[in-house]
């Protein structure tokens, strides 16, 4: 099931807000790494993002939720996948298309 690109993102649950907050920090972390060349900061950010996503996925049913909430959560899942893929690419780590 693909995320609708026009779906509004709802952040009603604490786990949704935590994930959105973590996603919003990606640009700042990339900027800092570009300036300082301390790549371990990006690796640490990606680890925190993966842990935050895991908590979100555990506490917020995605596919079983009603349509508007499901669409919002699918967008959060898609954004997380994109950020993880981009961050790992910047570290020189290849990622599989599907798991």
PDB file of N, CA and C in Angstrom:
ATOM      1  N   UNK A   1       0.844  -1.171   0.000  1.00  0.00           N
ATOM      2  CA  UNK A   1       0.000   0.000   0.000  1.00  0.00           C
ATOM      3  C   UNK A   1       0.891   1.237   0.000  1.00  0.00           C
ATOM      4  N   UNK A   2       0.759   2.089  -0.972  1.00  0.00           N
ATOM      5  CA  UNK A   2       1.596   3.273  -1.104  1.00  0.00           C
ATOM      6  C   UNK A   2       0.976   4.455  -0.371  1.00  0.00           C
ATOM      7  N   UNK A   3       1.821   5.351   0.083  1.00  0.00           N
ATOM      8  CA  UNK A   3       1.357   6.562   0.745  1.00  0.00           C
ATOM      9  C   UNK A   3       0.832   7.544  -0.297  1.00  0.00           C
ATOM     10  N   UNK A   4      -0.272   8.181   0.024  1.00  0.00           N
ATOM     11  CA  UNK A   4      -0.796   9.218  -0.856  1.00  0.00           C
ATOM     12  C   UNK A   4       0.031  10.479  -0.648  1.00  0.00           C
ATOM     13  N   UNK A   5       0.525  11.040  -1.710  1.00  0.00           N
ATOM     14  CA  UNK A   5       1.380  12.214  -1.586  1.00  0.00           C
ATOM     15  C   UNK A   5       0.619  13.451  -1.130  1.00  0.00           C
ATOM     16  N   UNK A   6      -0.714  13.463  -1.286  1.00  0.00           N
ATOM     17  CA  UNK A   6      -1.495  14.622  -0.887  1.00  0.00           C
ATOM     18  C   UNK A   6      -2.137  14.454   0.487  1.00  0.00           C
ATOM     19  N   UNK A   7      -1.811  13.391   1.211  1.00  0.00           N
ATOM     20  CA  UNK A   7      -2.401  13.131   2.518  1.00  0.00           C
ATOM     21  C   UNK A   7      -1.874  14.141   3.543  1.00  0.00           C
ATOM     22  N   UNK A   8      -2.785  14.663   4.342  1.00  0.00           N
ATOM     23  CA  UNK A   8      -2.391  15.553   5.431  1.00  0.00           C
ATOM     24  C   UNK A   8      -1.788  14.716   6.552  1.00  0.00           C
ATOM     25  N   UNK A   9      -0.778  15.237   7.193  1.00  0.00           N
ATOM     26  CA  UNK A   9      -0.134  14.515   8.286  1.00  0.00           C
ATOM     27  C   UNK A   9      -0.766  14.957   9.597  1.00  0.00           C
ATOM     28  N   UNK A  10      -1.254  13.976  10.336  1.00  0.00           N
ATOM     29  CA  UNK A  10      -1.850  14.207  11.642  1.00  0.00           C
ATOM     30  C   UNK A  10      -0.884  13.709  12.704  1.00  0.00           C
ATOM     31  N   UNK A  11      -0.671  14.509  13.732  1.00  0.00           N
ATOM     32  CA  UNK A  11       0.274  14.138  14.788  1.00  0.00           C
ATOM     33  C   UNK A  11      -0.441  14.099  16.126  1.00  0.00           C
ATOM     34  N   UNK A  12      -1.484  13.288  16.215  1.00  0.00           N
ATOM     35  CA  UNK A  12      -2.301  13.221  17.418  1.00  0.00           C
ATOM     36  C   UNK A  12      -1.646  12.405  18.529  1.00  0.00           C
ATOM     37  N   UNK A  13      -0.906  11.391  18.171  1.00  0.00           N
ATOM     38  CA  UNK A  13      -0.281  10.495  19.153  1.00  0.00           C
ATOM     39  C   UNK A  13       1.141  10.950  19.475  1.00  0.00           C
ATOM     40  N   UNK A  14       1.578  10.758  20.730  1.00  0.00           N
ATOM     41  CA  UNK A  14       2.955  11.141  21.086  1.00  0.00           C
ATOM     42  C   UNK A  14       4.013  10.491  20.207  1.00  0.00           C
ATOM     43  N   UNK A  15       3.815   9.240  19.819  1.00  0.00           N
ATOM     44  CA  UNK A  15       4.803   8.556  18.972  1.00  0.00           C
ATOM     45  C   UNK A  15       4.857   9.173  17.577  1.00  0.00           C
ATOM     46  N   UNK A  16       3.726   9.669  17.078  1.00  0.00           N
ATOM     47  CA  UNK A  16       3.709  10.357  15.780  1.00  0.00           C
ATOM     48  C   UNK A  16       4.483  11.673  15.871  1.00  0.00           C
ATOM     49  N   UNK A  17       4.251  12.408  16.956  1.00  0.00           N
ATOM     50  CA  UNK A  17       4.960  13.685  17.142  1.00  0.00           C
ATOM     51  C   UNK A  17       6.459  13.461  17.297  1.00  0.00           C
ATOM     52  N   UNK A  18       6.839  12.435  18.057  1.00  0.00           N
ATOM     53  CA  UNK A  18       8.257  12.142  18.251  1.00  0.00           C
ATOM     54  C   UNK A  18       8.935  11.809  16.925  1.00  0.00           C
ATOM     55  N   UNK A  19       8.255  11.037  16.091  1.00  0.00           N
ATOM     56  CA  UNK A  19       8.820  10.678  14.791  1.00  0.00           C
ATOM     57  C   UNK A  19       8.942  11.902  13.895  1.00  0.00           C
ATOM     58  N   UNK A  20       7.906  12.734  13.858  1.00  0.00           N
ATOM     59  CA  UNK A  20       7.956  13.948  13.036  1.00  0.00           C
ATOM     60  C   UNK A  20       9.073  14.877  13.501  1.00  0.00           C
ATOM     61  N   UNK A  21       9.236  15.006  14.800  1.00  0.00           N
ATOM     62  CA  UNK A  21      10.301  15.852  15.349  1.00  0.00           C
ATOM     63  C   UNK A  21      11.670  15.325  14.939  1.00  0.00           C
ATOM     64  N   UNK A  22      11.851  14.008  15.028  1.00  0.00           N
ATOM     65  CA  UNK A  22      13.134  13.407  14.639  1.00  0.00           C
ATOM     66  C   UNK A  22      13.383  13.598  13.144  1.00  0.00           C
ATOM     67  N   UNK A  23      12.366  13.416  12.320  1.00  0.00           N
ATOM     68  CA  UNK A  23      12.507  13.615  10.877  1.00  0.00           C
ATOM     69  C   UNK A  23      12.897  15.051  10.552  1.00  0.00           C
ATOM     70  N   UNK A  24      12.328  15.988  11.282  1.00  0.00           N
ATOM     71  CA  UNK A  24      12.602  17.409  11.019  1.00  0.00           C
ATOM     72  C   UNK A  24      14.067  17.776  11.285  1.00  0.00           C
ATOM     73  N   UNK A  25      14.772  16.979  12.072  1.00  0.00           N
ATOM     74  CA  UNK A  25      16.162  17.280  12.393  1.00  0.00           C
ATOM     75  C   UNK A  25      17.173  16.835  11.351  1.00  0.00           C
ATOM     76  N   UNK A  26      16.729  16.155  10.302  1.00  0.00           N
ATOM     77  CA  UNK A  26      17.664  15.606   9.316  1.00  0.00           C
ATOM     78  C   UNK A  26      18.512  16.695   8.648  1.00  0.00           C
ATOM     79  N   UNK A  27      17.897  17.748   8.198  1.00  0.00           N
ATOM     80  CA  UNK A  27      18.631  18.816   7.513  1.00  0.00           C
ATOM     81  C   UNK A  27      19.693  19.440   8.392  1.00  0.00           C
ATOM     82  N   UNK A  28      19.358  19.665   9.658  1.00  0.00           N
ATOM     83  CA  UNK A  28      20.315  20.252  10.593  1.00  0.00           C
ATOM     84  C   UNK A  28      21.514  19.327  10.778  1.00  0.00           C
ATOM     85  N   UNK A  29      21.256  18.030  10.937  1.00  0.00           N
ATOM     86  CA  UNK A  29      22.342  17.067  11.151  1.00  0.00           C
ATOM     87  C   UNK A  29      23.232  16.998   9.914  1.00  0.00           C
ATOM     88  N   UNK A  30      22.635  16.956   8.739  1.00  0.00           N
ATOM     89  CA  UNK A  30      23.427  16.905   7.504  1.00  0.00           C
ATOM     90  C   UNK A  30      24.283  18.162   7.376  1.00  0.00           C
ATOM     91  N   UNK A  31      23.711  19.308   7.708  1.00  0.00           N
ATOM     92  CA  UNK A  31      24.479  20.553   7.658  1.00  0.00           C
ATOM     93  C   UNK A  31      25.656  20.545   8.609  1.00  0.00           C
ATOM     94  N   UNK A  32      25.440  20.055   9.817  1.00  0.00           N
ATOM     95  CA  UNK A  32      26.523  19.976  10.794  1.00  0.00           C
ATOM     96  C   UNK A  32      27.616  19.014  10.333  1.00  0.00           C
ATOM     97  N   UNK A  33      27.216  17.890   9.786  1.00  0.00           N
ATOM     98  CA  UNK A  33      28.194  16.903   9.315  1.00  0.00           C
ATOM     99  C   UNK A  33      28.983  17.473   8.136  1.00  0.00           C
ATOM    100  N   UNK A  34      28.310  18.210   7.268  1.00  0.00           N
ATOM    101  CA  UNK A  34      29.000  18.823   6.127  1.00  0.00           C
ATOM    102  C   UNK A  34      30.039  19.833   6.602  1.00  0.00           C
ATOM    103  N   UNK A  35      29.733  20.554   7.672  1.00  0.00           N
ATOM    104  CA  UNK A  35      30.672  21.556   8.198  1.00  0.00           C
ATOM    105  C   UNK A  35      31.817  20.922   8.975  1.00  0.00           C
ATOM    106  N   UNK A  36      31.506  19.938   9.823  1.00  0.00           N
ATOM    107  CA  UNK A  36      32.486  19.383  10.748  1.00  0.00           C
ATOM    108  C   UNK A  36      33.159  18.102  10.267  1.00  0.00           C
ATOM    109  N   UNK A  37      32.553  17.440   9.266  1.00  0.00           N
ATOM    110  CA  UNK A  37      33.033  16.147   8.769  1.00  0.00           C
ATOM    111  C   UNK A  37      33.107  15.098   9.875  1.00  0.00           C
ATOM    112  N   UNK A  38      32.179  15.171  10.810  1.00  0.00           N
ATOM    113  CA  UNK A  38      32.079  14.182  11.881  1.00  0.00           C
ATOM    114  C   UNK A  38      30.895  13.274  11.552  1.00  0.00           C
ATOM    115  N   UNK A  39      31.180  12.284  10.718  1.00  0.00           N
ATOM    116  CA  UNK A  39      30.137  11.432  10.164  1.00  0.00           C
ATOM    117  C   UNK A  39      29.429  10.584  11.207  1.00  0.00           C
ATOM    118  N   UNK A  40      30.059  10.382  12.348  1.00  0.00           N
ATOM    119  CA  UNK A  40      29.411   9.598  13.397  1.00  0.00           C
ATOM    120  C   UNK A  40      28.146  10.278  13.911  1.00  0.00           C
ATOM    121  N   UNK A  41      28.057  11.602  13.757  1.00  0.00           N
ATOM    122  CA  UNK A  41      26.830  12.299  14.156  1.00  0.00           C
ATOM    123  C   UNK A  41      25.656  11.888  13.262  1.00  0.00           C
ATOM    124  N   UNK A  42      25.915  11.708  11.983  1.00  0.00           N
ATOM    125  CA  UNK A  42      24.868  11.250  11.070  1.00  0.00           C
ATOM    126  C   UNK A  42      24.482   9.811  11.399  1.00  0.00           C
ATOM    127  N   UNK A  43      25.461   8.976  11.679  1.00  0.00           N
ATOM    128  CA  UNK A  43      25.163   7.588  12.047  1.00  0.00           C
ATOM    129  C   UNK A  43      24.324   7.551  13.327  1.00  0.00           C
ATOM    130  N   UNK A  44      24.666   8.382  14.301  1.00  0.00           N
ATOM    131  CA  UNK A  44      23.892   8.441  15.540  1.00  0.00           C
ATOM    132  C   UNK A  44      22.474   8.925  15.296  1.00  0.00           C
ATOM    133  N   UNK A  45      22.320   9.923  14.434  1.00  0.00           N
ATOM    134  CA  UNK A  45      20.988  10.416  14.095  1.00  0.00           C
ATOM    135  C   UNK A  45      20.158   9.318  13.440  1.00  0.00           C
ATOM    136  N   UNK A  46      20.734   8.598  12.494  1.00  0.00           N
ATOM    137  CA  UNK A  46      20.007   7.528  11.803  1.00  0.00           C
ATOM    138  C   UNK A  46      19.608   6.420  12.775  1.00  0.00           C
ATOM    139  N   UNK A  47      20.457   6.130  13.731  1.00  0.00           N
ATOM    140  CA  UNK A  47      20.123   5.135  14.748  1.00  0.00           C
ATOM    141  C   UNK A  47      18.939   5.615  15.589  1.00  0.00           C
ATOM    142  N   UNK A  48      18.974   6.890  16.023  1.00  0.00           N
ATOM    143  CA  UNK A  48      17.860   7.446  16.804  1.00  0.00           C
ATOM    144  C   UNK A  48      16.576   7.450  15.995  1.00  0.00           C
ATOM    145  N   UNK A  49      16.682   7.793  14.702  1.00  0.00           N
ATOM    146  CA  UNK A  49      15.506   7.803  13.841  1.00  0.00           C
ATOM    147  C   UNK A  49      14.920   6.393  13.730  1.00  0.00           C
ATOM    148  N   UNK A  50      15.758   5.400  13.544  1.00  0.00           N
ATOM    149  CA  UNK A  50      15.273   4.021  13.439  1.00  0.00           C
ATOM    150  C   UNK A  50      14.608   3.583  14.746  1.00  0.00           C
ATOM    151  N   UNK A  51      15.176   3.957  15.870  1.00  0.00           N
ATOM    152  CA  UNK A  51      14.580   3.606  17.165  1.00  0.00           C
ATOM    153  C   UNK A  51      13.250   4.330  17.365  1.00  0.00           C
ATOM    154  N   UNK A  52      13.177   5.589  16.964  1.00  0.00           N
ATOM    155  CA  UNK A  52      11.941   6.361  17.084  1.00  0.00           C
ATOM    156  C   UNK A  52      10.875   5.779  16.173  1.00  0.00           C
ATOM    157  N   UNK A  53      11.267   5.374  14.964  1.00  0.00           N
ATOM    158  CA  UNK A  53      10.309   4.751  14.057  1.00  0.00           C
ATOM    159  C   UNK A  53       9.798   3.427  14.632  1.00  0.00           C
ATOM    160  N   UNK A  54      10.679   2.652  15.228  1.00  0.00           N
ATOM    161  CA  UNK A  54      10.279   1.382  15.816  1.00  0.00           C
ATOM    162  C   UNK A  54       9.228   1.599  16.910  1.00  0.00           C
ATOM    163  N   UNK A  55       9.431   2.604  17.756  1.00  0.00           N
ATOM    164  CA  UNK A  55       8.454   2.916  18.807  1.00  0.00           C
ATOM    165  C   UNK A  55       7.138   3.382  18.188  1.00  0.00           C
ATOM    166  N   UNK A  56       7.220   4.210  17.152  1.00  0.00           N
ATOM    167  CA  UNK A  56       6.017   4.672  16.445  1.00  0.00           C
ATOM    168  C   UNK A  56       5.251   3.476  15.895  1.00  0.00           C
ATOM    169  N   UNK A  57       5.943   2.573  15.227  1.00  0.00           N
ATOM    170  CA  UNK A  57       5.303   1.430  14.585  1.00  0.00           C
ATOM    171  C   UNK A  57       4.668   0.500  15.621  1.00  0.00           C
ATOM    172  N   UNK A  58       5.289   0.414  16.778  1.00  0.00           N
ATOM    173  CA  UNK A  58       4.759  -0.431  17.848  1.00  0.00           C
ATOM    174  C   UNK A  58       3.491   0.166  18.469  1.00  0.00           C
ATOM    175  N   UNK A  59       3.454   1.486  18.614  1.00  0.00           N
ATOM    176  CA  UNK A  59       2.342   2.146  19.311  1.00  0.00           C
ATOM    177  C   UNK A  59       1.237   2.664  18.401  1.00  0.00           C
ATOM    178  N   UNK A  60       1.506   2.788  17.126  1.00  0.00           N
ATOM    179  CA  UNK A  60       0.531   3.379  16.202  1.00  0.00           C
ATOM    180  C   UNK A  60       0.265   2.423  15.042  1.00  0.00           C
ATOM    181  N   UNK A  61      -0.827   1.676  15.101  1.00  0.00           N
ATOM    182  CA  UNK A  61      -1.147   0.786  13.979  1.00  0.00           C
ATOM    183  C   UNK A  61      -1.254   1.591  12.684  1.00  0.00           C
ATOM    184  N   UNK A  62      -0.654   1.091  11.648  1.00  0.00           N
ATOM    185  CA  UNK A  62      -0.654   1.817  10.382  1.00  0.00           C
ATOM    186  C   UNK A  62      -1.765   1.292   9.478  1.00  0.00           C
ATOM    187  N   UNK A  63      -1.694   0.065   9.076  1.00  0.00           N
ATOM    188  CA  UNK A  63      -2.651  -0.464   8.100  1.00  0.00           C
ATOM    189  C   UNK A  63      -4.033  -0.731   8.689  1.00  0.00           C
ATOM    190  N   UNK A  64      -4.117  -0.929   9.992  1.00  0.00           N
ATOM    191  CA  UNK A  64      -5.417  -1.180  10.627  1.00  0.00           C
ATOM    192  C   UNK A  64      -6.152   0.105  10.988  1.00  0.00           C
ATOM    193  N   UNK A  65      -5.504   1.251  10.871  1.00  0.00           N
ATOM    194  CA  UNK A  65      -6.133   2.529  11.224  1.00  0.00           C
ATOM    195  C   UNK A  65      -7.148   2.938  10.159  1.00  0.00           C
ATOM    196  N   UNK A  66      -8.082   3.796  10.537  1.00  0.00           N
ATOM    197  CA  UNK A  66      -9.059   4.326   9.579  1.00  0.00           C
ATOM    198  C   UNK A  66      -8.345   5.190   8.540  1.00  0.00           C
ATOM    199  N   UNK A  67      -9.017   5.385   7.412  1.00  0.00           N
ATOM    200  CA  UNK A  67      -8.403   5.998   6.222  1.00  0.00           C
ATOM    201  C   UNK A  67      -7.594   7.273   6.477  1.00  0.00           C
ATOM    202  N   UNK A  68      -8.121   8.321   7.081  1.00  0.00           N
ATOM    203  CA  UNK A  68      -7.288   9.526   7.186  1.00  0.00           C
ATOM    204  C   UNK A  68      -6.049   9.318   8.053  1.00  0.00           C
ATOM    205  N   UNK A  69      -6.212   8.587   9.144  1.00  0.00           N
ATOM    206  CA  UNK A  69      -5.080   8.318  10.032  1.00  0.00           C
ATOM    207  C   UNK A  69      -4.091   7.379   9.344  1.00  0.00           C
ATOM    208  N   UNK A  70      -4.598   6.351   8.675  1.00  0.00           N
ATOM    209  CA  UNK A  70      -3.737   5.417   7.946  1.00  0.00           C
ATOM    210  C   UNK A  70      -2.903   6.154   6.900  1.00  0.00           C
ATOM    211  N   UNK A  71      -3.542   7.041   6.139  1.00  0.00           N
ATOM    212  CA  UNK A  71      -2.811   7.786   5.109  1.00  0.00           C
ATOM    213  C   UNK A  71      -1.722   8.653   5.725  1.00  0.00           C
ATOM    214  N   UNK A  72      -2.026   9.288   6.840  1.00  0.00           N
ATOM    215  CA  UNK A  72      -1.039  10.110   7.533  1.00  0.00           C
ATOM    216  C   UNK A  72       0.144   9.265   8.004  1.00  0.00           C
ATOM    217  N   UNK A  73      -0.163   8.130   8.582  1.00  0.00           N
ATOM    218  CA  UNK A  73       0.903   7.261   9.085  1.00  0.00           C
ATOM    219  C   UNK A  73       1.717   6.644   7.959  1.00  0.00           C
ATOM    220  N   UNK A  74       1.080   6.376   6.830  1.00  0.00           N
ATOM    221  CA  UNK A  74       1.832   5.890   5.670  1.00  0.00           C
ATOM    222  C   UNK A  74       2.800   6.955   5.162  1.00  0.00           C
ATOM    223  N   UNK A  75       2.391   8.211   5.204  1.00  0.00           N
ATOM    224  CA  UNK A  75       3.289   9.296   4.805  1.00  0.00           C
ATOM    225  C   UNK A  75       4.484   9.345   5.756  1.00  0.00           C
ATOM    226  N   UNK A  76       4.234   9.220   7.066  1.00  0.00           N
ATOM    227  CA  UNK A  76       5.344   9.206   8.024  1.00  0.00           C
ATOM    228  C   UNK A  76       6.284   8.025   7.766  1.00  0.00           C
ATOM    229  N   UNK A  77       5.725   6.871   7.432  1.00  0.00           N
ATOM    230  CA  UNK A  77       6.559   5.703   7.102  1.00  0.00           C
ATOM    231  C   UNK A  77       7.400   5.968   5.862  1.00  0.00           C
ATOM    232  N   UNK A  78       6.779   6.549   4.843  1.00  0.00           N
ATOM    233  CA  UNK A  78       7.486   6.847   3.596  1.00  0.00           C
ATOM    234  C   UNK A  78       8.592   7.878   3.830  1.00  0.00           C
ATOM    235  N   UNK A  79       8.298   8.919   4.586  1.00  0.00           N
ATOM    236  CA  UNK A  79       9.318   9.927   4.881  1.00  0.00           C
ATOM    237  C   UNK A  79      10.485   9.321   5.653  1.00  0.00           C
ATOM    238  N   UNK A  80      10.177   8.445   6.584  1.00  0.00           N
ATOM    239  CA  UNK A  80      11.236   7.795   7.356  1.00  0.00           C
ATOM    240  C   UNK A  80      12.115   6.953   6.443  1.00  0.00           C
ATOM    241  N   UNK A  81      11.502   6.194   5.550  1.00  0.00           N
ATOM    242  CA  UNK A  81      12.280   5.375   4.611  1.00  0.00           C
ATOM    243  C   UNK A  81      13.172   6.247   3.738  1.00  0.00           C
ATOM    244  N   UNK A  82      12.640   7.365   3.280  1.00  0.00           N
ATOM    245  CA  UNK A  82      13.431   8.255   2.422  1.00  0.00           C
ATOM    246  C   UNK A  82      14.619   8.852   3.167  1.00  0.00           C
ATOM    247  N   UNK A  83      14.382   9.294   4.395  1.00  0.00           N
ATOM    248  CA  UNK A  83      15.457   9.895   5.188  1.00  0.00           C
ATOM    249  C   UNK A  83      16.511   8.843   5.520  1.00  0.00           C
ATOM    250  N   UNK A  84      16.081   7.655   5.930  1.00  0.00           N
ATOM    251  CA  UNK A  84      17.058   6.596   6.219  1.00  0.00           C
ATOM    252  C   UNK A  84      17.868   6.250   4.975  1.00  0.00           C
ATOM    253  N   UNK A  85      17.193   6.124   3.840  1.00  0.00           N
ATOM    254  CA  UNK A  85      17.891   5.794   2.589  1.00  0.00           C
ATOM    255  C   UNK A  85      18.905   6.886   2.230  1.00  0.00           C
ATOM    256  N   UNK A  86      18.492   8.145   2.329  1.00  0.00           N
ATOM    257  CA  UNK A  86      19.386   9.259   1.988  1.00  0.00           C
ATOM    258  C   UNK A  86      20.552   9.348   2.964  1.00  0.00           C
ATOM    259  N   UNK A  87      20.258   9.189   4.242  1.00  0.00           N
ATOM    260  CA  UNK A  87      21.319   9.248   5.243  1.00  0.00           C
ATOM    261  C   UNK A  87      22.340   8.137   5.071  1.00  0.00           C
ATOM    262  N   UNK A  88      21.861   6.929   4.815  1.00  0.00           N
ATOM    263  CA  UNK A  88      22.785   5.817   4.591  1.00  0.00           C
ATOM    264  C   UNK A  88      23.580   6.018   3.307  1.00  0.00           C
ATOM    265  N   UNK A  89      22.939   6.592   2.284  1.00  0.00           N
ATOM    266  CA  UNK A  89      23.656   6.894   1.038  1.00  0.00           C
ATOM    267  C   UNK A  89      24.800   7.869   1.324  1.00  0.00           C
ATOM    268  N   UNK A  90      24.531   8.879   2.129  1.00  0.00           N
ATOM    269  CA  UNK A  90      25.576   9.860   2.456  1.00  0.00           C
ATOM    270  C   UNK A  90      26.736   9.214   3.206  1.00  0.00           C
ATOM    271  N   UNK A  91      26.444   8.140   3.926  1.00  0.00           N
ATOM    272  CA  UNK A  91      27.504   7.411   4.630  1.00  0.00           C
ATOM    273  C   UNK A  91      28.172   6.359   3.737  1.00  0.00           C
ATOM    274  N   UNK A  92      27.682   6.209   2.506  1.00  0.00           N
ATOM    275  CA  UNK A  92      28.262   5.246   1.584  1.00  0.00           C
ATOM    276  C   UNK A  92      27.738   3.834   1.779  1.00  0.00           C
ATOM    277  N   UNK A  93      26.570   3.714   2.402  1.00  0.00           N
ATOM    278  CA  UNK A  93      25.998   2.397   2.678  1.00  0.00           C
ATOM    279  C   UNK A  93      24.817   2.170   1.725  1.00  0.00           C
ATOM    280  N   UNK A  94      24.883   1.090   0.965  1.00  0.00           N
ATOM    281  CA  UNK A  94      23.788   0.742   0.055  1.00  0.00           C
ATOM    282  C   UNK A  94      22.634   0.154   0.838  1.00  0.00           C
ATOM    283  N   UNK A  95      21.425   0.426   0.369  1.00  0.00           N
ATOM    284  CA  UNK A  95      20.230  -0.087   1.031  1.00  0.00           C
ATOM    285  C   UNK A  95      19.421  -0.940   0.062  1.00  0.00           C
ATOM    286  N   UNK A  96      18.741  -1.963   0.574  1.00  0.00           N
ATOM    287  CA  UNK A  96      17.877  -2.759  -0.288  1.00  0.00           C
ATOM    288  C   UNK A  96      16.611  -1.972  -0.631  1.00  0.00           C
ATOM    289  N   UNK A  97      16.020  -2.271  -1.757  1.00  0.00           N
ATOM    290  CA  UNK A  97      14.764  -1.621  -2.147  1.00  0.00           C
ATOM    291  C   UNK A  97      13.627  -2.084  -1.265  1.00  0.00           C
ATOM    292  N   UNK A  98      13.633  -3.379  -0.914  1.00  0.00           N
ATOM    293  CA  UNK A  98      12.554  -3.949  -0.086  1.00  0.00           C
ATOM    294  C   UNK A  98      13.153  -4.891   0.933  1.00  0.00           C
ATOM    295  N   UNK A  99      12.424  -5.042   2.013  1.00  0.00           N
ATOM    296  CA  UNK A  99      12.835  -6.012   3.043  1.00  0.00           C
ATOM    297  C   UNK A  99      11.684  -6.933   3.308  1.00  0.00           C
TER     298      UNK A  99
END
